[in-house]
Amino acid sequence: MQNKIWLSSPHMGGNELQYIHEAFDANWVAPLGPNVDGFEKDLENFLHDEVKVAALSAGTAALHLALIECGVGYGDEVICQSMTFSASANPIAYQGAKPVFVDSEKDTWNMCPVALEEAIEDRISKGSKPKAIIVVHLYGMPAKMDEIIAIAKKYDIPLIEDAAEALGSEYKGKACGTFGRFGVLSFNGNKIITTSGGGALVCHSESDKQKIVFLSTQARDNAPHYQHSHIGYNYRMSNISAGIGRGQMEVLKDRVNARRKMHDFYVDAFQNIDGVEVLSEINSDYYSNHWLSAITVDERITGKSREDLRLAFLEDNIESRPLWKPMHMQPVFADAPYYGKEVAETLFERGLCLPSGSNLEEEDKQRIQNVIKKVFSK
């Protein structure tokens, strides 16, 4: 059996251990410490736009705290992109709120502005104005932010930007994660950089950041004894994890470039195969980190399905995965309202995520290329 080619494996830069050793030498093993402060500053400098960043234990934790700060509570409704991972929707349920799912558009595979406005107007007509909107930059591809921001402003609904997959992506030269009231980042092991597990919340003021830090450290009041006036959470990133993050930040631009080259590899690999489309930027306003390269396969044209390709990869010990199953199709959210058509459902039916790691070698690419030729030459 040949070595496994993973969908998106961690890729260390070399200096992560230096920051970890410094933490051990100074006995900064507990949460907080110089690495946390340094990692937050590194992220702020990378994102620009004078943002403030709070490093947390997971992207899910960041989204949960963003919903709390937007005033989402029991019985409220939150609009969420349906085509996404469950972590975009689960924190809505944490708050006892109800998700309202919205379809994608075909250009970016992200939230459809037309369906978004339809959902808002219908919920308002039913007496339940949504308390927040969660838009996702799927697989690193920026959403249609001008239209979505305009709709959020029109109805005065705070926008939360799930940029968990989009660190290094930009829309019109502005970093993804800096458009909304809050932006969510993830550093899970499969992301473009990792802290082994972790996330961050992007804020637009120091006061918002301090509120997030307060809630993420058990909401302890300023008193000599342990006193709490708010419900708090154990959501802060550890100094050790942040040390890994500092080393990863040193190579982030290289990682983005490598992922984008993998996308170009797939564009070349499929260019002469009718019925296969690679998710790509529609114009120069969009700059994707191409965290995951993804395709759709139209069996009516190719004579081969997404599953034919996936199983052929699997036979050669190459990992690939169907696109996220839309949230409105998930059993746990079966009763949630849904607005739109069948774009997300069609993407799920035809879509496949391909090996995209920044550490793939030329021999790995050749194996991938061979499987593609084998499947589509039949």
Protein backbone atom coordinates (compact mmCIF):
# COMPACT_ATOMS: atom_id res chain seq x y z
CA MET A 1 0.00 0.00 0.00
CA GLN A 2 1.36 3.41 -0.95
CA ASN A 3 1.66 6.22 1.60
CA LYS A 4 -1.59 8.05 2.25
CA ILE A 5 -2.14 11.41 0.62
CA TRP A 6 -4.23 13.45 3.03
CA LEU A 7 -6.85 16.04 2.18
CA SER A 8 -5.18 18.73 4.30
CA SER A 9 -2.54 17.74 6.82
CA PRO A 10 -0.66 20.03 9.24
CA HIS A 11 2.51 21.60 7.85
CA MET A 12 5.02 22.85 10.40
CA GLY A 13 7.34 25.72 9.60
CA GLY A 14 10.30 24.97 11.86
CA ASN A 15 10.22 27.67 14.55
CA GLU A 16 7.16 26.40 16.43
CA LEU A 17 9.36 24.48 18.88
CA GLN A 18 11.36 27.62 19.65
CA TYR A 19 8.27 29.40 20.97
CA ILE A 20 7.14 26.29 22.85
CA HIS A 21 10.57 25.87 24.48
CA GLU A 22 10.52 29.53 25.53
CA ALA A 23 7.16 28.92 27.21
CA PHE A 24 8.50 25.86 29.04
CA ASP A 25 11.70 27.64 30.08
CA ALA A 26 9.66 30.53 31.54
CA ASN A 27 7.09 28.10 33.02
CA TRP A 28 4.32 29.76 30.98
CA VAL A 29 2.53 26.44 30.49
CA ALA A 30 -0.83 27.57 31.84
CA PRO A 31 -3.28 29.57 29.72
CA LEU A 32 -2.29 33.10 28.77
CA GLY A 33 1.27 34.37 28.55
CA PRO A 34 3.63 36.04 26.07
CA ASN A 35 2.84 33.69 23.20
CA VAL A 36 -0.87 34.49 23.39
CA ASP A 37 -0.14 38.23 23.31
CA GLY A 38 2.38 37.75 20.49
CA PHE A 39 0.09 35.53 18.42
CA GLU A 40 -2.76 38.03 18.70
CA LYS A 41 -0.45 40.84 17.60
CA ASP A 42 0.84 38.75 14.68
CA LEU A 43 -2.74 38.19 13.51
CA GLU A 44 -3.65 41.86 13.92
CA ASN A 45 -0.64 42.88 11.83
CA PHE A 46 -1.51 40.34 9.14
CA LEU A 47 -5.17 41.34 8.90
CA HIS A 48 -4.47 45.10 9.05
CA ASP A 49 -7.62 47.29 9.22
CA GLU A 50 -6.79 48.21 12.86
CA VAL A 51 -8.59 45.13 14.16
CA LYS A 52 -8.19 43.55 17.57
CA VAL A 53 -7.90 39.78 17.94
CA ALA A 54 -8.74 37.52 20.88
CA ALA A 55 -7.11 34.08 20.69
CA LEU A 56 -9.48 31.33 21.80
CA SER A 57 -9.70 27.56 22.17
CA ALA A 58 -11.60 26.99 18.90
CA GLY A 59 -13.34 28.74 16.04
CA THR A 60 -16.60 27.38 17.43
CA ALA A 61 -15.90 29.16 20.72
CA ALA A 62 -15.27 32.37 18.81
CA LEU A 63 -18.58 32.12 16.98
CA HIS A 64 -20.42 31.34 20.23
CA LEU A 65 -19.01 34.44 21.91
CA ALA A 66 -19.80 36.56 18.83
CA LEU A 67 -23.45 35.50 19.06
CA ILE A 68 -23.52 36.38 22.76
CA GLU A 69 -22.08 39.84 22.07
CA CYS A 70 -24.68 40.35 19.32
CA GLY A 71 -27.39 39.77 21.92
CA VAL A 72 -28.61 36.41 20.61
CA GLY A 73 -30.62 34.57 23.22
CA TYR A 74 -33.30 31.95 23.77
CA GLY A 75 -35.94 31.86 21.04
CA ASP A 76 -34.17 34.34 18.75
CA GLU A 77 -33.55 33.55 15.10
CA VAL A 78 -30.16 33.68 13.38
CA ILE A 79 -29.68 33.44 9.63
CA CYS A 80 -26.90 31.06 8.63
CA GLN A 81 -25.44 29.89 5.35
CA SER A 82 -26.65 26.34 4.76
CA MET A 83 -23.62 25.20 2.76
CA THR A 84 -21.09 24.97 5.59
CA PHE A 85 -19.70 22.76 8.34
CA SER A 86 -21.94 22.20 11.36
CA ALA A 87 -19.69 24.36 13.57
CA SER A 88 -21.16 27.42 11.82
CA ALA A 89 -24.65 26.51 13.03
CA ASN A 90 -24.18 24.66 16.33
CA PRO A 91 -23.43 27.78 18.45
CA ILE A 92 -26.86 29.13 17.48
CA ALA A 93 -28.35 26.16 19.31
CA TYR A 94 -25.98 26.71 22.26
CA GLN A 95 -27.82 29.98 22.85
CA GLY A 96 -31.23 28.37 22.62
CA ALA A 97 -31.77 30.27 19.38
CA LYS A 98 -33.12 28.95 16.09
CA PRO A 99 -31.19 28.78 12.81
CA VAL A 100 -32.73 29.99 9.57
CA PHE A 101 -30.79 28.55 6.65
CA VAL A 102 -30.09 30.27 3.34
CA ASP A 103 -29.05 28.75 0.00
CA SER A 104 -25.81 29.41 -1.90
CA GLU A 105 -25.24 31.14 -5.23
CA LYS A 106 -23.38 29.40 -8.07
CA ASP A 107 -20.46 31.83 -8.44
CA THR A 108 -18.76 31.48 -5.05
CA TRP A 109 -20.85 28.68 -3.49
CA ASN A 110 -21.53 31.07 -0.60
CA MET A 111 -24.62 32.78 0.80
CA CYS A 112 -27.00 33.94 -1.92
CA PRO A 113 -27.86 37.64 -1.40
CA VAL A 114 -31.25 37.21 -3.07
CA ALA A 115 -32.23 34.31 -0.78
CA LEU A 116 -30.82 36.22 2.21
CA GLU A 117 -33.12 39.19 1.65
CA GLU A 118 -36.07 36.89 0.99
CA ALA A 119 -35.41 35.16 4.32
CA ILE A 120 -35.14 38.43 6.26
CA GLU A 121 -38.34 39.87 4.83
CA ASP A 122 -40.28 36.67 5.42
CA ARG A 123 -39.07 36.29 9.01
CA ILE A 124 -39.95 39.93 9.72
CA SER A 125 -43.42 39.40 8.23
CA LYS A 126 -43.84 36.49 10.63
CA GLY A 127 -42.91 38.73 13.57
CA SER A 128 -39.38 37.45 14.14
CA LYS A 129 -36.64 39.75 12.90
CA PRO A 130 -33.32 37.83 12.84
CA LYS A 131 -30.80 38.89 15.50
CA ALA A 132 -27.68 38.10 13.42
CA ILE A 133 -26.43 36.84 10.06
CA ILE A 134 -23.62 34.28 9.74
CA VAL A 135 -21.91 34.30 6.34
CA VAL A 136 -19.18 31.76 5.52
CA HIS A 137 -16.22 32.01 3.14
CA LEU A 138 -16.45 28.41 1.98
CA TYR A 139 -13.14 26.62 1.35
CA GLY A 140 -11.43 30.03 1.43
CA MET A 141 -13.54 31.59 -1.35
CA PRO A 142 -14.77 35.07 -0.35
CA ALA A 143 -18.53 35.56 -0.35
CA LYS A 144 -20.27 38.39 -2.24
CA MET A 145 -19.58 40.80 0.59
CA ASP A 146 -20.78 44.07 -0.98
CA GLU A 147 -24.28 42.72 -1.50
CA ILE A 148 -24.44 40.91 1.83
CA ILE A 149 -23.15 43.89 3.82
CA ALA A 150 -25.67 46.17 2.09
CA ILE A 151 -28.54 43.86 3.05
CA ALA A 152 -27.33 43.56 6.65
CA LYS A 153 -27.16 47.37 6.92
CA LYS A 154 -30.54 47.85 5.24
CA TYR A 155 -32.26 45.75 7.90
CA ASP A 156 -29.87 46.73 10.73
CA ILE A 157 -28.81 43.16 11.50
CA PRO A 158 -25.27 42.48 12.77
CA LEU A 159 -23.11 40.42 10.42
CA ILE A 160 -20.80 37.70 11.75
CA GLU A 161 -18.18 36.53 9.29
CA ASP A 162 -17.15 32.88 9.53
CA ALA A 163 -13.66 33.08 8.02
CA ALA A 164 -12.54 29.81 9.66
CA GLU A 165 -11.44 28.53 6.24
CA ALA A 166 -10.35 31.88 4.81
CA LEU A 167 -7.29 33.22 6.63
CA GLY A 168 -5.24 34.83 3.86
CA SER A 169 -8.22 35.35 1.53
CA GLU A 170 -9.27 38.84 0.46
CA TYR A 171 -12.24 40.61 -1.10
CA LYS A 172 -11.35 43.78 -3.00
CA GLY A 173 -7.99 43.85 -1.21
CA LYS A 174 -9.50 43.64 2.28
CA ALA A 175 -8.85 40.60 4.48
CA CYS A 176 -11.65 38.13 5.00
CA GLY A 177 -12.64 38.19 8.66
CA THR A 178 -12.53 41.99 8.91
CA PHE A 179 -15.87 42.88 7.25
CA GLY A 180 -18.44 41.88 9.86
CA ARG A 181 -19.25 43.06 13.36
CA PHE A 182 -17.09 40.07 14.30
CA GLY A 183 -14.89 37.69 12.32
CA VAL A 184 -14.19 34.07 13.22
CA LEU A 185 -10.89 32.28 12.54
CA SER A 186 -9.93 28.63 13.07
CA PHE A 187 -6.55 26.97 13.60
CA ASN A 188 -7.73 23.38 13.68
CA GLY A 189 -5.21 20.77 12.53
CA ASN A 190 -6.51 20.77 8.96
CA LYS A 191 -6.56 24.54 8.44
CA ILE A 192 -4.09 26.61 6.44
CA ILE A 193 -2.12 27.17 9.66
CA THR A 194 -2.70 25.36 12.93
CA THR A 195 -2.22 25.73 16.67
CA SER A 196 -3.14 22.01 16.97
CA GLY A 197 -6.57 23.23 18.02
CA GLY A 198 -7.69 26.79 18.45
CA GLY A 199 -9.43 29.80 16.99
CA ALA A 200 -9.75 33.56 17.30
CA LEU A 201 -12.36 36.29 17.23
CA VAL A 202 -11.64 39.41 15.18
CA CYS A 203 -13.05 42.57 16.77
CA HIS A 204 -13.11 46.23 15.71
CA SER A 205 -12.43 47.83 19.07
CA GLU A 206 -10.33 47.18 22.15
CA SER A 207 -13.47 47.30 24.30
CA ASP A 208 -15.09 44.50 22.29
CA LYS A 209 -11.92 42.43 22.58
CA GLN A 210 -11.81 42.91 26.34
CA LYS A 211 -15.44 41.79 26.65
CA ILE A 212 -14.57 38.63 24.72
CA VAL A 213 -11.48 37.99 26.85
CA PHE A 214 -13.60 38.50 30.00
CA LEU A 215 -16.25 36.00 28.90
CA SER A 216 -13.65 33.50 27.69
CA THR A 217 -11.88 33.43 31.07
CA GLN A 218 -14.92 32.46 33.17
CA ALA A 219 -16.19 36.06 33.47
CA ARG A 220 -14.46 36.67 36.78
CA ASP A 221 -15.27 40.09 38.26
CA ASN A 222 -12.55 42.43 39.46
CA ALA A 223 -12.56 41.41 43.12
CA PRO A 224 -10.02 39.88 45.54
CA HIS A 225 -12.24 36.80 45.80
CA TYR A 226 -13.92 34.76 43.06
CA GLN A 227 -17.04 36.68 42.10
CA HIS A 228 -19.11 36.31 38.94
CA SER A 229 -21.91 38.54 37.65
CA HIS A 230 -22.06 36.92 34.20
CA ILE A 231 -21.95 33.39 32.83
CA GLY A 232 -18.42 32.74 31.66
CA TYR A 233 -16.63 30.17 29.53
CA ASN A 234 -13.29 28.39 29.52
CA TYR A 235 -12.52 29.46 25.95
CA ARG A 236 -9.08 31.13 26.08
CA MET A 237 -6.17 29.77 24.02
CA SER A 238 -3.24 28.28 25.93
CA ASN A 239 0.24 29.78 25.82
CA ILE A 240 1.60 26.52 24.37
CA SER A 241 -0.91 26.44 21.50
CA ALA A 242 -0.26 30.10 20.80
CA GLY A 243 3.47 29.29 20.55
CA ILE A 244 2.70 26.89 17.70
CA GLY A 245 0.62 29.65 16.13
CA ARG A 246 3.48 32.16 16.28
CA GLY A 247 5.73 29.76 14.39
CA GLN A 248 2.97 29.14 11.85
CA MET A 249 2.41 32.85 11.26
CA GLU A 250 6.00 33.12 10.03
CA VAL A 251 5.13 30.85 7.07
CA LEU A 252 1.48 31.81 6.47
CA LYS A 253 2.12 33.63 3.20
CA ASP A 254 4.11 30.66 1.92
CA ARG A 255 1.25 28.34 2.86
CA VAL A 256 -1.28 30.49 1.00
CA ASN A 257 0.93 30.51 -2.09
CA ALA A 258 1.33 26.73 -1.95
CA ARG A 259 -2.43 26.15 -1.66
CA ARG A 260 -3.07 28.48 -4.57
CA LYS A 261 -0.55 26.52 -6.64
CA MET A 262 -2.46 23.33 -5.83
CA HIS A 263 -5.59 25.01 -7.17
CA ASP A 264 -3.72 25.88 -10.37
CA PHE A 265 -2.60 22.25 -10.60
CA TYR A 266 -6.23 21.10 -10.57
CA VAL A 267 -7.30 23.73 -13.09
CA ASP A 268 -4.68 22.29 -15.45
CA ALA A 269 -5.59 18.69 -14.61
CA PHE A 270 -9.27 19.16 -15.47
CA GLN A 271 -9.03 21.74 -18.25
CA ASN A 272 -9.83 19.26 -21.03
CA ILE A 273 -12.48 17.30 -19.12
CA ASP A 274 -15.95 18.61 -19.98
CA GLY A 275 -18.40 18.51 -17.10
CA VAL A 276 -15.83 19.07 -14.34
CA GLU A 277 -15.56 22.57 -12.88
CA VAL A 278 -12.96 23.75 -10.37
CA LEU A 279 -14.10 26.34 -7.80
CA SER A 280 -12.22 29.49 -8.87
CA GLU A 281 -12.41 33.25 -8.40
CA ILE A 282 -15.00 34.83 -10.71
CA ASN A 283 -12.99 38.05 -11.12
CA SER A 284 -10.10 40.03 -9.64
CA ASP A 285 -12.23 41.27 -6.70
CA TYR A 286 -11.83 37.80 -5.19
CA TYR A 287 -8.58 36.37 -3.83
CA SER A 288 -8.97 32.92 -2.30
CA ASN A 289 -6.39 31.14 -0.19
CA HIS A 290 -7.83 27.96 -1.78
CA TRP A 291 -7.63 26.21 1.56
CA LEU A 292 -9.33 23.30 -0.14
CA SER A 293 -9.51 22.90 -3.90
CA ALA A 294 -12.95 21.62 -4.85
CA ILE A 295 -14.71 20.51 -8.00
CA THR A 296 -18.17 19.61 -9.24
CA VAL A 297 -18.67 16.64 -11.54
CA ASP A 298 -21.70 16.62 -13.85
CA GLU A 299 -22.30 12.93 -14.53
CA ARG A 300 -24.65 13.77 -17.40
CA ILE A 301 -21.66 15.14 -19.31
CA THR A 302 -18.72 13.11 -18.01
CA GLY A 303 -20.40 9.75 -17.68
CA LYS A 304 -18.65 9.55 -14.32
CA SER A 305 -19.88 10.69 -10.93
CA ARG A 306 -18.29 12.40 -7.98
CA GLU A 307 -18.38 9.01 -6.24
CA ASP A 308 -16.54 7.29 -9.09
CA LEU A 309 -13.66 9.70 -8.62
CA ARG A 310 -13.74 9.57 -4.82
CA LEU A 311 -13.65 5.76 -4.77
CA ALA A 312 -10.82 5.69 -7.30
CA PHE A 313 -8.81 8.02 -5.08
CA LEU A 314 -9.63 5.86 -2.05
CA GLU A 315 -8.40 2.75 -3.85
CA ASP A 316 -5.05 4.48 -4.33
CA ASN A 317 -4.96 5.60 -0.65
CA ILE A 318 -5.72 9.24 -1.52
CA GLU A 319 -8.15 11.12 0.69
CA SER A 320 -10.93 13.18 -0.87
CA ARG A 321 -14.32 14.13 0.56
CA PRO A 322 -17.75 15.22 -0.62
CA LEU A 323 -18.55 18.88 -0.03
CA TRP A 324 -20.20 19.82 3.25
CA LYS A 325 -23.72 18.41 3.48
CA PRO A 326 -25.95 21.51 3.70
CA MET A 327 -27.29 22.25 7.16
CA HIS A 328 -30.93 22.26 6.04
CA MET A 329 -30.45 18.63 4.98
CA GLN A 330 -29.03 17.55 8.34
CA PRO A 331 -31.30 15.49 10.63
CA VAL A 332 -30.49 17.67 13.64
CA PHE A 333 -31.81 20.78 11.82
CA ALA A 334 -34.68 19.11 9.97
CA ASP A 335 -37.27 21.55 11.37
CA ALA A 336 -35.33 24.74 10.60
CA PRO A 337 -36.67 27.15 7.95
CA TYR A 338 -34.81 27.23 4.62
CA TYR A 339 -34.80 29.88 1.89
CA GLY A 340 -33.51 29.51 -1.64
CA LYS A 341 -33.56 26.93 -4.36
CA GLU A 342 -31.41 23.81 -4.82
CA VAL A 343 -27.94 25.22 -5.41
CA ALA A 344 -26.49 23.88 -2.14
CA GLU A 345 -28.14 20.49 -2.65
CA THR A 346 -26.75 20.19 -6.18
CA LEU A 347 -23.28 21.21 -5.01
CA PHE A 348 -23.40 18.51 -2.33
CA GLU A 349 -24.56 15.92 -4.84
CA ARG A 350 -21.83 16.71 -7.37
CA GLY A 351 -19.01 18.25 -5.32
CA LEU A 352 -15.70 16.82 -4.15
CA CYS A 353 -12.86 18.32 -2.07
CA LEU A 354 -9.43 17.29 -3.33
CA PRO A 355 -6.04 16.91 -1.59
CA SER A 356 -4.85 20.48 -1.10
CA GLY A 357 -2.06 20.42 1.47
CA SER A 358 0.83 22.86 1.21
CA ASN A 359 3.20 19.94 1.87
CA LEU A 360 2.26 17.78 -1.14
CA GLU A 361 5.25 16.65 -3.20
CA GLU A 362 5.55 16.30 -6.98
CA GLU A 363 5.20 12.52 -6.69
CA ASP A 364 1.93 13.05 -4.78
CA LYS A 365 0.64 15.28 -7.58
CA GLN A 366 1.60 12.66 -10.12
CA ARG A 367 -0.39 9.99 -8.27
CA ILE A 368 -3.38 12.33 -8.13
CA GLN A 369 -3.01 13.11 -11.84
CA ASN A 370 -2.84 9.40 -12.69
CA VAL A 371 -6.12 8.67 -10.90
CA ILE A 372 -7.86 11.56 -12.64
CA LYS A 373 -6.69 10.30 -16.04
CA LYS A 374 -7.69 6.73 -15.17
CA VAL A 375 -11.24 7.71 -14.21
CA PHE A 376 -12.03 10.14 -17.01
CA SER A 377 -10.31 8.27 -19.86
CA LYS A 378 -12.69 5.34 -19.56
